Amino acid sequence: MTQEVTTKGNGWEEGDQFNLTVAAPVMLGDFVVIPEGTKAIGRITWLTSRGAFGKSGKMDVELEYLELAGRRINVDGTYRQEGNGATLATVGGVIAAGIFAGFITGRSGVIPQGRELMATLESDLPVALPAGATLAPVPVQAVAVTPVVASEPVVTQASTPVVDPTAGEN
């Protein structure tokens, strides 16, 4: 999160967008596919402010897309943030203060700046690798082996017979 999003009455409403950035590079093998710092956008999909009688503020947010090389790449990530309610304080307030207990409010829901949220890509992301690049592990260098030609089968230490494949050919 590059900014704080809250249910406090400071201008945030359902439908508002907020900014994020990719916190760590997304890798494919040894290649960076989505660089750290790539701009992303989220949206508040539901919001209720804190209220009387200990009702806490709540919001649902959805991570929508990131902007990569001039393209929008759709992502999936949905979160709910709730403030801590004050229900027990409200019950105590009703007993002690009667009608004034309605002035006891819950806490606002807050997603602080710097919070890390997880998202996944909605679809495959085509990737062009540099010429000659490979994602497969590099094969181990082959070692040259000199074949053994024997007139009789050779037995290894594990007692498994090793037979010359050319035996019996003319």
Protein backbone atom coordinates (compact mmCIF):
# COMPACT_ATOMS: atom_id res chain seq x y z
CA MET A 1 0.00 0.00 0.00
CA THR A 2 1.45 3.37 -0.97
CA GLN A 3 -1.25 5.22 0.96
CA GLU A 4 -3.49 4.63 3.95
CA VAL A 5 -7.08 3.65 3.22
CA THR A 6 -9.54 4.04 6.08
CA THR A 7 -13.23 4.06 6.93
CA LYS A 8 -12.80 7.35 8.81
CA GLY A 9 -14.85 10.17 7.35
CA ASN A 10 -11.89 11.62 5.44
CA GLY A 11 -13.20 11.35 1.91
CA TRP A 12 -12.90 7.63 1.09
CA GLU A 13 -16.04 6.22 -0.51
CA GLU A 14 -17.15 3.03 -2.22
CA GLY A 15 -15.73 2.93 -5.74
CA ASP A 16 -12.65 5.04 -4.91
CA GLN A 17 -9.33 3.77 -6.25
CA PHE A 18 -6.09 3.67 -4.27
CA ASN A 19 -2.46 3.14 -5.24
CA LEU A 20 -0.14 0.23 -4.56
CA THR A 21 3.24 -0.88 -5.85
CA VAL A 22 4.70 -4.34 -6.35
CA ALA A 23 6.78 -5.00 -3.20
CA ALA A 24 9.17 -7.63 -4.63
CA PRO A 25 10.08 -8.59 -8.19
CA VAL A 26 8.01 -11.40 -9.72
CA MET A 27 10.45 -13.93 -11.16
CA LEU A 28 10.25 -16.62 -13.82
CA GLY A 29 13.37 -18.68 -13.27
CA ASP A 30 16.22 -16.15 -13.24
CA PHE A 31 14.23 -13.53 -15.16
CA VAL A 32 12.29 -10.58 -13.71
CA VAL A 33 8.80 -10.62 -15.23
CA ILE A 34 7.22 -7.89 -13.10
CA PRO A 35 9.73 -5.48 -11.52
CA GLU A 36 9.59 -4.29 -7.93
CA GLY A 37 7.94 -0.86 -7.79
CA THR A 38 5.48 -1.53 -10.63
CA LYS A 39 2.38 0.63 -10.05
CA ALA A 40 -0.86 -1.16 -9.17
CA ILE A 41 -4.43 -0.02 -8.51
CA GLY A 42 -7.04 -1.21 -6.02
CA ARG A 43 -10.65 -0.19 -5.43
CA ILE A 44 -12.88 0.09 -2.37
CA THR A 45 -15.86 -2.15 -3.14
CA TRP A 46 -17.78 -1.74 0.14
CA LEU A 47 -17.39 0.68 3.04
CA THR A 48 -19.27 1.50 6.22
CA SER A 49 -18.09 4.04 8.76
CA ARG A 50 -17.93 3.41 12.48
CA GLY A 51 -21.15 4.19 14.25
CA ALA A 52 -22.99 4.51 17.50
CA PHE A 53 -23.31 1.67 20.01
CA GLY A 54 -19.81 0.39 19.26
CA LYS A 55 -20.30 -0.36 15.55
CA SER A 56 -16.85 -0.60 13.93
CA GLY A 57 -15.98 0.65 10.46
CA LYS A 58 -15.58 -2.03 7.78
CA MET A 59 -14.45 -2.10 4.18
CA ASP A 60 -13.82 -4.54 1.38
CA VAL A 61 -11.09 -3.76 -1.13
CA GLU A 62 -10.16 -5.45 -4.37
CA LEU A 63 -6.79 -5.34 -6.09
CA GLU A 64 -7.65 -4.68 -9.73
CA TYR A 65 -4.64 -4.31 -12.02
CA LEU A 66 -1.03 -3.33 -12.39
CA GLU A 67 0.50 -1.15 -15.08
CA LEU A 68 3.39 -2.84 -16.88
CA ALA A 69 5.07 -1.35 -19.95
CA GLY A 70 1.96 0.68 -20.81
CA ARG A 71 -0.38 -2.32 -20.41
CA ARG A 72 -2.97 -3.09 -17.76
CA ILE A 73 -2.49 -6.55 -16.30
CA ASN A 74 -5.57 -7.68 -14.33
CA VAL A 75 -4.95 -9.17 -10.90
CA ASP A 76 -7.10 -10.82 -8.23
CA GLY A 77 -6.95 -10.03 -4.54
CA THR A 78 -9.86 -9.28 -2.19
CA TYR A 79 -9.54 -8.18 1.42
CA ARG A 80 -11.79 -7.07 4.27
CA GLN A 81 -10.61 -4.70 6.96
CA GLU A 82 -12.63 -4.11 10.11
CA GLY A 83 -12.04 -1.78 13.00
CA ASN A 84 -12.22 -3.19 16.51
CA GLY A 85 -15.75 -2.81 17.80
CA ALA A 86 -16.63 -1.49 21.22
CA THR A 87 -19.62 -3.72 21.91
CA LEU A 88 -18.65 -4.49 25.52
CA ALA A 89 -18.06 -0.80 26.18
CA THR A 90 -21.49 -0.10 24.71
CA VAL A 91 -23.20 -2.63 26.98
CA GLY A 92 -21.42 -1.11 29.96
CA GLY A 93 -22.34 2.34 28.69
CA VAL A 94 -26.03 1.49 28.42
CA ILE A 95 -26.07 0.28 32.02
CA ALA A 96 -24.07 3.22 33.36
CA ALA A 97 -25.08 6.10 31.11
CA GLY A 98 -28.47 5.15 29.73
CA ILE A 99 -29.29 6.94 26.51
CA PHE A 100 -25.81 8.53 26.26
CA ALA A 101 -24.36 5.08 25.44
CA GLY A 102 -25.22 5.81 21.80
CA PHE A 103 -22.23 8.14 21.76
CA ILE A 104 -19.82 5.22 22.31
CA THR A 105 -18.44 4.35 18.89
CA GLY A 106 -16.36 1.54 17.47
CA ARG A 107 -13.01 1.98 15.73
CA SER A 108 -12.43 2.80 12.10
CA GLY A 109 -11.11 0.14 9.74
CA VAL A 110 -7.63 1.08 8.52
CA ILE A 111 -5.30 -0.47 5.93
CA PRO A 112 -2.04 1.35 6.68
CA GLN A 113 0.48 2.58 4.16
CA GLY A 114 3.18 -0.08 3.77
CA ARG A 115 0.85 -3.07 4.35
CA GLU A 116 1.61 -5.92 1.95
CA LEU A 117 -1.34 -7.58 0.23
CA MET A 118 -1.13 -10.64 -2.01
CA ALA A 119 -2.55 -10.78 -5.54
CA THR A 120 -2.53 -13.31 -8.37
CA LEU A 121 -2.71 -12.74 -12.11
CA GLU A 122 -6.18 -13.26 -13.60
CA SER A 123 -4.70 -14.84 -16.73
CA ASP A 124 -1.39 -16.03 -18.15
CA LEU A 125 1.15 -13.32 -18.87
CA PRO A 126 3.00 -13.81 -22.16
CA VAL A 127 6.74 -13.45 -21.68
CA ALA A 128 9.44 -12.99 -24.34
CA LEU A 129 12.82 -14.26 -23.17
CA PRO A 130 16.11 -12.99 -24.60
CA ALA A 131 17.54 -14.96 -27.53
CA GLY A 132 19.22 -18.16 -26.32
CA ALA A 133 17.61 -17.94 -22.87
CA THR A 134 16.12 -21.04 -21.31
CA LEU A 135 14.07 -21.77 -18.23
CA ALA A 136 15.08 -25.43 -18.13
CA PRO A 137 17.93 -26.38 -15.83
CA VAL A 138 21.29 -26.49 -17.55
CA PRO A 139 22.15 -30.15 -18.19
CA VAL A 140 25.18 -31.62 -16.46
CA GLN A 141 28.15 -32.04 -18.79
CA ALA A 142 28.27 -35.57 -20.18
CA VAL A 143 31.30 -37.62 -19.20
CA ALA A 144 32.94 -39.75 -21.90
CA VAL A 145 32.78 -43.43 -21.02
CA THR A 146 34.94 -46.09 -22.66
CA PRO A 147 32.87 -49.21 -23.34
CA VAL A 148 34.11 -52.46 -21.90
CA VAL A 149 34.17 -55.36 -24.32
CA ALA A 150 34.21 -58.72 -22.60
CA SER A 151 33.85 -62.22 -23.86
CA GLU A 152 32.06 -63.26 -20.66
CA PRO A 153 29.48 -61.33 -18.67
CA VAL A 154 30.97 -58.99 -16.08
CA VAL A 155 29.45 -58.89 -12.58
CA THR A 156 29.44 -55.63 -10.61
CA GLN A 157 29.70 -55.35 -6.83
CA ALA A 158 25.93 -55.28 -6.58
CA SER A 159 25.84 -58.67 -8.37
CA THR A 160 24.02 -57.22 -11.36
CA PRO A 161 25.27 -58.72 -14.62
CA VAL A 162 26.52 -56.24 -17.21
CA VAL A 163 26.38 -57.69 -20.67
CA ASP A 164 28.27 -56.44 -23.71
CA PRO A 165 25.56 -55.33 -26.16
CA THR A 166 27.75 -56.32 -29.12
CA ALA A 167 28.24 -59.91 -27.92
CA GLY A 168 26.94 -62.46 -30.35
CA GLU A 169 27.18 -60.14 -33.37
CA ASN A 170 29.42 -61.06 -36.32
